[in-house]
Every structure is written in structure tokens, then in C-alpha cells.
Amino acid sequence: MIAIEIKNLVKSYGSFNAVNNISFEVNRGEIFGLIGPNGAGKTTTLRILATLLQITSGEVKIFGHDLEHEADEVRKIISYLPEDAGAYKNLTGRAYLEFIAPFFGDGNRSSEIVRKGVEIANLGERINDKVETYSKGMTRRLLVARALMIEPKLAILDELTSGLDVLNSQEIRKLAKKTTSEGTTILLSSHNMLEVELLCDRIALIDNGKIVEIGTPDELKRRHNCNNIEDVFVKVVA
């Protein structure tokens, strides 16, 4: 099954096309990377898929639901973690997860969502402390937990490991891989090319609002005679 199907997508602001007639598909159970330089259109694309921005023209389907006409249905099956996401600082980490959970399940289901969120966050006893006392990395772990604990069909993750140290980043990447094996499709955007290469089954490079390359990491490296995805990125968008 196709998880995301994008055809001729355009998002305009006046005469400027932030997203300029792009088309690509994401397969179910895939970790798909959307990468590009600042201002390339990747965050705009993610926000469209998260139902936060309306499209100007084109067609987008998420698990068969037309994004423009079935946005409410799409919201039931996705989660979105923006790069600049924050949590309620006056709540404890656990209370924050308990606040979010009832939006996605009642009773026992809500309790199970919180249990899974606490497990994903892996903050130990600090889960009972207020978010305002957390480091940036701890807050990010809590937010990753919020995004994945609901077991979405599609998780849209912008800078997944932002603010995390090497060990925590590695743990979160393993968790992302495990999540896809359990049925979640991931659309990932990151400036960390090592992370993109380690995680993604396929990658699309976007520049000036257009998709300029797409393929598996190995395909892209062979195509451009590069040793790593960072070199591919520089070669393609320079």
C-alpha cells in the first residue's frame, strides 16, 4: 500500500512557489527522508501533510484519504513533530503525556498510550518532574514520546534528534526503526546527513521547491559517485 501519494503539489504565497509542482510516493512501513537546504520547501511540505497548511493546487493522499477533502480523517492517523515543538512547562512529563493521551483513546486505551509514552521517553524518575526543569534533550525525548506513543499510521518528524547527544540520538533512531516494524510509516526531515543515511530506506532531495533527486541511499551515492549522503547533498544542491 502507498502511505503518501503526492501529485503535482504546489504551495504558493502570492507569486512565490514555496513548493513547485512536486510529485513522489512513500511506501507503507518505509522511513522516507525529505532533505534540502534552508528555504527549499521541505518544512512547507511537512506542514501541508500535517494538515496545517492548505495546498494551492495538486493532489495529496495519505493512506487513501484525500488531504484536501478528508483532513479530519487524516488527522486521526498521523502525528507531527515539528523542529520547534514545545511542551507545557508547568506540567510534569507524565502529566503532559496524560493530557495528550485522551485525544487518541479513552479509558484503558488512554492508560496504555501513557504507559507507552513513559517507556519511549525513558526519563526515569524525572518523568514526574516539571518540564521547565528539563534540559533541551530531555524535552525532545518527551516530545518524541508524544509523537510515537499513539502508534500513528504516519509519523511526520522534523529534526527527530534535535538537541540530543550521541547516545540518546542512537537510542531514538533504534526506536524509530522499531516503530516502522510495528506498522508506522515515517516521513523524516533532518539536516543531519548521517542520521538520514542511517535511517532512511529512500531519500528525496528538494531544492527551490522542486524534487531534484530521489532514491535509496546506495542508489544516490552510486549515481553521484559519492561516499556518503552529505557529499551527495552538497553535489546536488550546490
C-alpha atoms as a PDB file:
ATOM      1  CA  MET A   1       0.000   0.000   0.000  1.00  0.00           C
ATOM      2  CA  ILE A   2       1.096   3.561  -0.689  1.00  0.00           C
ATOM      3  CA  ALA A   3       1.213   5.604   2.510  1.00  0.00           C
ATOM      4  CA  ILE A   4       1.663   9.025   0.887  1.00  0.00           C
ATOM      5  CA  GLU A   5       0.861   9.892  -2.716  1.00  0.00           C
ATOM      6  CA  ILE A   6       1.724  13.407  -3.889  1.00  0.00           C
ATOM      7  CA  LYS A   7       0.934  14.565  -7.432  1.00  0.00           C
ATOM      8  CA  ASN A   8       1.880  17.976  -8.831  1.00  0.00           C
ATOM      9  CA  LEU A   9       1.741  19.669  -5.425  1.00  0.00           C
ATOM     10  CA  VAL A  10       2.036  23.456  -5.425  1.00  0.00           C
ATOM     11  CA  LYS A  11       2.004  25.822  -2.457  1.00  0.00           C
ATOM     12  CA  SER A  12       2.128  29.483  -3.407  1.00  0.00           C
ATOM     13  CA  TYR A  13       2.474  32.682  -1.417  1.00  0.00           C
ATOM     14  CA  GLY A  14       1.498  35.342  -3.916  1.00  0.00           C
ATOM     15  CA  SER A  15       3.793  34.919  -6.908  1.00  0.00           C
ATOM     16  CA  PHE A  16       6.292  32.777  -4.953  1.00  0.00           C
ATOM     17  CA  ASN A  17       6.009  28.996  -5.126  1.00  0.00           C
ATOM     18  CA  ALA A  18       7.391  27.576  -1.888  1.00  0.00           C
ATOM     19  CA  VAL A  19       6.552  24.121  -3.243  1.00  0.00           C
ATOM     20  CA  ASN A  20       6.684  23.965  -7.019  1.00  0.00           C
ATOM     21  CA  ASN A  21       4.880  21.064  -8.692  1.00  0.00           C
ATOM     22  CA  ILE A  22       6.407  18.169  -6.753  1.00  0.00           C
ATOM     23  CA  SER A  23       5.394  14.516  -7.031  1.00  0.00           C
ATOM     24  CA  PHE A  24       6.562  11.484  -5.046  1.00  0.00           C
ATOM     25  CA  GLU A  25       5.253   8.459  -3.164  1.00  0.00           C
ATOM     26  CA  VAL A  26       6.096   6.972   0.233  1.00  0.00           C
ATOM     27  CA  ASN A  27       5.542   3.254   0.739  1.00  0.00           C
ATOM     28  CA  ARG A  28       3.820   1.841   3.795  1.00  0.00           C
ATOM     29  CA  GLY A  29       6.309   0.860   6.523  1.00  0.00           C
ATOM     30  CA  GLU A  30       9.085   2.959   4.985  1.00  0.00           C
ATOM     31  CA  ILE A  31      11.315   5.582   6.557  1.00  0.00           C
ATOM     32  CA  PHE A  32      11.426   8.221   3.856  1.00  0.00           C
ATOM     33  CA  GLY A  33      13.745  11.210   4.083  1.00  0.00           C
ATOM     34  CA  LEU A  34      12.924  14.627   2.664  1.00  0.00           C
ATOM     35  CA  ILE A  35      16.061  16.751   2.764  1.00  0.00           C
ATOM     36  CA  GLY A  36      17.217  20.041   1.350  1.00  0.00           C
ATOM     37  CA  PRO A  37      18.841  23.379   2.213  1.00  0.00           C
ATOM     38  CA  ASN A  38      17.084  26.027   4.290  1.00  0.00           C
ATOM     39  CA  GLY A  39      14.185  27.545   2.385  1.00  0.00           C
ATOM     40  CA  ALA A  40      13.961  24.641  -0.057  1.00  0.00           C
ATOM     41  CA  GLY A  41      10.314  23.840   0.730  1.00  0.00           C
ATOM     42  CA  LYS A  42      10.681  20.763   2.917  1.00  0.00           C
ATOM     43  CA  THR A  43       9.074  22.221   6.062  1.00  0.00           C
ATOM     44  CA  THR A  44       6.236  23.647   3.977  1.00  0.00           C
ATOM     45  CA  THR A  45       5.681  20.171   2.534  1.00  0.00           C
ATOM     46  CA  LEU A  46       5.661  18.599   6.000  1.00  0.00           C
ATOM     47  CA  ARG A  47       3.156  21.159   7.275  1.00  0.00           C
ATOM     48  CA  ILE A  48       0.873  20.502   4.321  1.00  0.00           C
ATOM     49  CA  LEU A  49       0.958  16.765   5.053  1.00  0.00           C
ATOM     50  CA  ALA A  50       0.263  17.513   8.722  1.00  0.00           C
ATOM     51  CA  THR A  51      -2.913  19.405   7.602  1.00  0.00           C
ATOM     52  CA  LEU A  52      -1.556  22.723   8.920  1.00  0.00           C
ATOM     53  CA  LEU A  53      -1.341  24.406   5.504  1.00  0.00           C
ATOM     54  CA  GLN A  54      -3.767  24.273   2.610  1.00  0.00           C
ATOM     55  CA  ILE A  55      -2.486  23.319  -0.810  1.00  0.00           C
ATOM     56  CA  THR A  56      -2.649  25.729  -3.727  1.00  0.00           C
ATOM     57  CA  SER A  57      -3.027  23.003  -6.339  1.00  0.00           C
ATOM     58  CA  GLY A  58      -2.261  19.351  -6.875  1.00  0.00           C
ATOM     59  CA  GLU A  59      -3.333  16.208  -5.081  1.00  0.00           C
ATOM     60  CA  VAL A  60      -2.224  14.587  -1.827  1.00  0.00           C
ATOM     61  CA  LYS A  61      -3.480  11.293  -0.437  1.00  0.00           C
ATOM     62  CA  ILE A  62      -2.486   9.769   2.895  1.00  0.00           C
ATOM     63  CA  PHE A  63      -3.416   6.101   3.194  1.00  0.00           C
ATOM     64  CA  GLY A  64      -6.053   6.727   0.551  1.00  0.00           C
ATOM     65  CA  HIS A  65      -7.586   9.796   2.236  1.00  0.00           C
ATOM     66  CA  ASP A  66      -7.686  12.924   0.117  1.00  0.00           C
ATOM     67  CA  LEU A  67      -5.882  15.564   2.173  1.00  0.00           C
ATOM     68  CA  GLU A  68      -7.885  18.500   0.849  1.00  0.00           C
ATOM     69  CA  HIS A  69     -11.325  16.978   1.450  1.00  0.00           C
ATOM     70  CA  GLU A  70     -10.711  14.480   4.274  1.00  0.00           C
ATOM     71  CA  ALA A  71      -8.375  16.390   6.572  1.00  0.00           C
ATOM     72  CA  ASP A  72     -10.247  15.247   9.703  1.00  0.00           C
ATOM     73  CA  GLU A  73      -9.720  11.604   8.752  1.00  0.00           C
ATOM     74  CA  VAL A  74      -6.039  12.244   8.062  1.00  0.00           C
ATOM     75  CA  ARG A  75      -5.560  13.825  11.498  1.00  0.00           C
ATOM     76  CA  LYS A  76      -6.790  10.621  13.143  1.00  0.00           C
ATOM     77  CA  ILE A  77      -3.942   8.562  11.721  1.00  0.00           C
ATOM     78  CA  ILE A  78      -0.923  10.899  11.783  1.00  0.00           C
ATOM     79  CA  SER A  79       1.346  12.569  14.283  1.00  0.00           C
ATOM     80  CA  TYR A  80       3.591  15.552  13.623  1.00  0.00           C
ATOM     81  CA  LEU A  81       6.745  16.545  15.486  1.00  0.00           C
ATOM     82  CA  PRO A  82       7.997  19.962  14.313  1.00  0.00           C
ATOM     83  CA  GLU A  83      11.571  21.028  14.923  1.00  0.00           C
ATOM     84  CA  ASP A  84      10.476  23.858  17.219  1.00  0.00           C
ATOM     85  CA  ALA A  85       7.868  21.884  19.194  1.00  0.00           C
ATOM     86  CA  GLY A  86       7.468  22.578  22.895  1.00  0.00           C
ATOM     87  CA  ALA A  87       5.669  21.040  25.863  1.00  0.00           C
ATOM     88  CA  TYR A  88       3.681  22.672  28.661  1.00  0.00           C
ATOM     89  CA  LYS A  89       6.400  23.739  31.080  1.00  0.00           C
ATOM     90  CA  ASN A  90       4.200  23.821  34.192  1.00  0.00           C
ATOM     91  CA  LEU A  91       3.185  20.174  33.790  1.00  0.00           C
ATOM     92  CA  THR A  92       5.277  17.188  34.763  1.00  0.00           C
ATOM     93  CA  GLY A  93       6.382  14.981  31.909  1.00  0.00           C
ATOM     94  CA  ARG A  94       3.868  12.325  32.927  1.00  0.00           C
ATOM     95  CA  ALA A  95       1.059  14.867  33.258  1.00  0.00           C
ATOM     96  CA  TYR A  96       1.862  16.170  29.773  1.00  0.00           C
ATOM     97  CA  LEU A  97       1.516  12.685  28.300  1.00  0.00           C
ATOM     98  CA  GLU A  98      -1.674  12.149  30.323  1.00  0.00           C
ATOM     99  CA  PHE A  99      -3.058  15.391  28.897  1.00  0.00           C
ATOM    100  CA  ILE A 100      -2.364  14.295  25.307  1.00  0.00           C
ATOM    101  CA  ALA A 101      -3.474  10.652  25.545  1.00  0.00           C
ATOM    102  CA  PRO A 102      -7.289  11.123  25.842  1.00  0.00           C
ATOM    103  CA  PHE A 103      -7.350  12.801  22.428  1.00  0.00           C
ATOM    104  CA  PHE A 104      -6.415   9.417  20.953  1.00  0.00           C
ATOM    105  CA  GLY A 105      -8.187   6.926  23.217  1.00  0.00           C
ATOM    106  CA  ASP A 106     -10.487   6.526  26.213  1.00  0.00           C
ATOM    107  CA  GLY A 107     -10.133   4.528  29.414  1.00  0.00           C
ATOM    108  CA  ASN A 108      -7.731   1.605  29.160  1.00  0.00           C
ATOM    109  CA  ARG A 109      -6.542   2.726  25.746  1.00  0.00           C
ATOM    110  CA  SER A 110      -5.570   6.130  27.155  1.00  0.00           C
ATOM    111  CA  SER A 111      -3.687   4.482  30.022  1.00  0.00           C
ATOM    112  CA  GLU A 112      -1.845   2.217  27.578  1.00  0.00           C
ATOM    113  CA  ILE A 113      -0.863   5.235  25.467  1.00  0.00           C
ATOM    114  CA  VAL A 114       0.607   6.948  28.533  1.00  0.00           C
ATOM    115  CA  ARG A 115       2.448   3.765  29.567  1.00  0.00           C
ATOM    116  CA  LYS A 116       3.996   3.538  26.109  1.00  0.00           C
ATOM    117  CA  GLY A 117       4.877   7.240  26.174  1.00  0.00           C
ATOM    118  CA  VAL A 118       6.667   6.906  29.509  1.00  0.00           C
ATOM    119  CA  GLU A 119       8.580   3.927  28.122  1.00  0.00           C
ATOM    120  CA  ILE A 120       9.610   5.788  24.968  1.00  0.00           C
ATOM    121  CA  ALA A 121      10.638   8.932  26.858  1.00  0.00           C
ATOM    122  CA  ASN A 122      12.830   6.821  29.166  1.00  0.00           C
ATOM    123  CA  LEU A 123      13.328   9.678  31.611  1.00  0.00           C
ATOM    124  CA  GLY A 124      13.279   7.538  34.753  1.00  0.00           C
ATOM    125  CA  GLU A 125      12.021   9.343  37.832  1.00  0.00           C
ATOM    126  CA  ARG A 126      12.402  12.667  36.032  1.00  0.00           C
ATOM    127  CA  ILE A 127       9.149  11.897  34.216  1.00  0.00           C
ATOM    128  CA  ASN A 128       7.482  13.126  37.428  1.00  0.00           C
ATOM    129  CA  ASP A 129       9.325  16.468  37.384  1.00  0.00           C
ATOM    130  CA  LYS A 130       8.063  19.606  35.688  1.00  0.00           C
ATOM    131  CA  VAL A 131       9.031  20.107  32.067  1.00  0.00           C
ATOM    132  CA  GLU A 132      10.504  23.508  32.954  1.00  0.00           C
ATOM    133  CA  THR A 133      13.311  21.648  34.782  1.00  0.00           C
ATOM    134  CA  TYR A 134      14.211  19.530  31.736  1.00  0.00           C
ATOM    135  CA  SER A 135      17.205  20.002  29.502  1.00  0.00           C
ATOM    136  CA  LYS A 136      16.622  20.502  25.782  1.00  0.00           C
ATOM    137  CA  GLY A 137      17.438  16.852  25.174  1.00  0.00           C
ATOM    138  CA  MET A 138      15.038  15.625  27.851  1.00  0.00           C
ATOM    139  CA  THR A 139      12.256  17.780  26.432  1.00  0.00           C
ATOM    140  CA  ARG A 140      12.920  16.391  22.963  1.00  0.00           C
ATOM    141  CA  ARG A 141      12.676  12.821  24.282  1.00  0.00           C
ATOM    142  CA  LEU A 142       9.308  13.690  25.820  1.00  0.00           C
ATOM    143  CA  LEU A 143       8.111  15.161  22.526  1.00  0.00           C
ATOM    144  CA  VAL A 144       9.285  12.143  20.537  1.00  0.00           C
ATOM    145  CA  ALA A 145       7.329  10.014  23.004  1.00  0.00           C
ATOM    146  CA  ARG A 146       4.242  12.154  22.458  1.00  0.00           C
ATOM    147  CA  ALA A 147       4.554  11.713  18.683  1.00  0.00           C
ATOM    148  CA  LEU A 148       5.068   7.938  18.715  1.00  0.00           C
ATOM    149  CA  MET A 149       3.061   6.721  21.725  1.00  0.00           C
ATOM    150  CA  ILE A 150      -0.228   6.944  19.828  1.00  0.00           C
ATOM    151  CA  GLU A 151       1.056   4.427  17.252  1.00  0.00           C
ATOM    152  CA  PRO A 152       0.212   6.618  14.249  1.00  0.00           C
ATOM    153  CA  LYS A 153      -0.033   5.153  10.781  1.00  0.00           C
ATOM    154  CA  LEU A 154       2.163   8.063   9.654  1.00  0.00           C
ATOM    155  CA  ALA A 155       4.672   9.955  11.802  1.00  0.00           C
ATOM    156  CA  ILE A 156       5.971  13.213  10.308  1.00  0.00           C
ATOM    157  CA  LEU A 157       9.218  14.003  12.100  1.00  0.00           C
ATOM    158  CA  ASP A 158      11.177  17.218  11.565  1.00  0.00           C
ATOM    159  CA  GLU A 159      14.704  17.025  13.061  1.00  0.00           C
ATOM    160  CA  LEU A 160      13.985  13.866  15.060  1.00  0.00           C
ATOM    161  CA  THR A 161      17.041  14.014  17.330  1.00  0.00           C
ATOM    162  CA  SER A 162      17.392  17.788  17.656  1.00  0.00           C
ATOM    163  CA  GLY A 163      19.150  18.618  20.935  1.00  0.00           C
ATOM    164  CA  LEU A 164      20.055  15.009  21.788  1.00  0.00           C
ATOM    165  CA  ASP A 165      23.562  13.755  22.495  1.00  0.00           C
ATOM    166  CA  VAL A 166      25.121  10.867  20.561  1.00  0.00           C
ATOM    167  CA  LEU A 167      23.901   8.087  22.856  1.00  0.00           C
ATOM    168  CA  ASN A 168      20.354   9.402  23.089  1.00  0.00           C
ATOM    169  CA  SER A 169      20.258  10.038  19.337  1.00  0.00           C
ATOM    170  CA  GLN A 170      21.289   6.448  18.653  1.00  0.00           C
ATOM    171  CA  GLU A 171      18.604   5.155  21.006  1.00  0.00           C
ATOM    172  CA  ILE A 172      15.896   7.274  19.357  1.00  0.00           C
ATOM    173  CA  ARG A 173      16.975   6.089  15.903  1.00  0.00           C
ATOM    174  CA  LYS A 174      16.648   2.474  17.039  1.00  0.00           C
ATOM    175  CA  LEU A 175      13.202   3.315  18.370  1.00  0.00           C
ATOM    176  CA  ALA A 176      12.206   4.829  15.020  1.00  0.00           C
ATOM    177  CA  LYS A 177      13.293   1.654  13.239  1.00  0.00           C
ATOM    178  CA  LYS A 178      11.323  -0.463  15.726  1.00  0.00           C
ATOM    179  CA  THR A 179       8.276   1.755  15.223  1.00  0.00           C
ATOM    180  CA  THR A 180       8.234   1.095  11.483  1.00  0.00           C
ATOM    181  CA  SER A 181       8.458  -2.654  12.095  1.00  0.00           C
ATOM    182  CA  GLU A 182       5.293  -2.286  14.199  1.00  0.00           C
ATOM    183  CA  GLY A 183       3.351  -0.598  11.395  1.00  0.00           C
ATOM    184  CA  THR A 184       4.166   3.119  11.447  1.00  0.00           C
ATOM    185  CA  THR A 185       5.415   4.846   8.308  1.00  0.00           C
ATOM    186  CA  ILE A 186       7.869   7.691   8.936  1.00  0.00           C
ATOM    187  CA  LEU A 187       8.481  10.808   6.876  1.00  0.00           C
ATOM    188  CA  LEU A 188      11.698  12.320   8.199  1.00  0.00           C
ATOM    189  CA  SER A 189      13.374  15.655   7.578  1.00  0.00           C
ATOM    190  CA  SER A 190      16.803  16.371   9.018  1.00  0.00           C
ATOM    191  CA  HIS A 191      19.942  18.410   8.463  1.00  0.00           C
ATOM    192  CA  ASN A 192      21.923  15.514   9.956  1.00  0.00           C
ATOM    193  CA  MET A 193      23.002  13.636   6.846  1.00  0.00           C
ATOM    194  CA  LEU A 194      24.499  10.767   8.868  1.00  0.00           C
ATOM    195  CA  GLU A 195      21.110  10.291  10.515  1.00  0.00           C
ATOM    196  CA  VAL A 196      19.356  10.382   7.146  1.00  0.00           C
ATOM    197  CA  GLU A 197      21.748   7.807   5.696  1.00  0.00           C
ATOM    198  CA  LEU A 198      21.452   5.505   8.718  1.00  0.00           C
ATOM    199  CA  LEU A 199      17.670   5.655   8.965  1.00  0.00           C
ATOM    200  CA  CYS A 200      16.082   6.178   5.583  1.00  0.00           C
ATOM    201  CA  ASP A 201      15.014   3.500   3.129  1.00  0.00           C
ATOM    202  CA  ARG A 202      14.685   6.164   0.437  1.00  0.00           C
ATOM    203  CA  ILE A 203      15.516   9.859   0.214  1.00  0.00           C
ATOM    204  CA  ALA A 204      14.177  12.784  -1.814  1.00  0.00           C
ATOM    205  CA  LEU A 205      16.232  15.945  -2.183  1.00  0.00           C
ATOM    206  CA  ILE A 206      14.252  19.155  -2.572  1.00  0.00           C
ATOM    207  CA  ASP A 207      15.740  22.454  -3.740  1.00  0.00           C
ATOM    208  CA  ASN A 208      13.976  25.686  -4.689  1.00  0.00           C
ATOM    209  CA  GLY A 209      10.636  23.976  -4.151  1.00  0.00           C
ATOM    210  CA  LYS A 210      11.349  21.120  -6.578  1.00  0.00           C
ATOM    211  CA  ILE A 211      12.339  17.483  -6.115  1.00  0.00           C
ATOM    212  CA  VAL A 212      15.749  17.189  -7.757  1.00  0.00           C
ATOM    213  CA  GLU A 213      16.724  13.628  -6.763  1.00  0.00           C
ATOM    214  CA  ILE A 214      15.090  10.548  -5.275  1.00  0.00           C
ATOM    215  CA  GLY A 215      16.360   7.067  -4.489  1.00  0.00           C
ATOM    216  CA  THR A 216      17.809   4.780  -1.842  1.00  0.00           C
ATOM    217  CA  PRO A 217      20.973   5.985  -0.094  1.00  0.00           C
ATOM    218  CA  ASP A 218      23.070   3.484  -2.068  1.00  0.00           C
ATOM    219  CA  GLU A 219      21.467   4.473  -5.370  1.00  0.00           C
ATOM    220  CA  LEU A 220      22.134   8.155  -4.736  1.00  0.00           C
ATOM    221  CA  LYS A 221      25.748   7.538  -3.741  1.00  0.00           C
ATOM    222  CA  ARG A 222      26.386   5.432  -6.854  1.00  0.00           C
ATOM    223  CA  ARG A 223      24.595   7.884  -9.130  1.00  0.00           C
ATOM    224  CA  HIS A 224      26.753  10.781  -7.976  1.00  0.00           C
ATOM    225  CA  ASN A 225      29.944   8.815  -7.261  1.00  0.00           C
ATOM    226  CA  CYS A 226      29.946   9.868  -3.606  1.00  0.00           C
ATOM    227  CA  ASN A 227      30.946   8.077  -0.429  1.00  0.00           C
ATOM    228  CA  ASN A 228      28.120   9.427   1.728  1.00  0.00           C
ATOM    229  CA  ILE A 229      24.798  11.262   1.545  1.00  0.00           C
ATOM    230  CA  GLU A 230      26.312  14.508   2.799  1.00  0.00           C
ATOM    231  CA  ASP A 231      28.527  14.614  -0.289  1.00  0.00           C
ATOM    232  CA  VAL A 232      25.520  13.802  -2.489  1.00  0.00           C
ATOM    233  CA  PHE A 233      23.589  16.631  -0.857  1.00  0.00           C
ATOM    234  CA  VAL A 234      26.377  19.161  -1.493  1.00  0.00           C
ATOM    235  CA  LYS A 235      26.866  17.969  -5.066  1.00  0.00           C
ATOM    236  CA  VAL A 236      23.168  18.133  -5.957  1.00  0.00           C
ATOM    237  CA  VAL A 237      22.171  21.439  -4.364  1.00  0.00           C
ATOM    238  CA  ALA A 238      25.411  23.428  -4.794  1.00  0.00           C
END
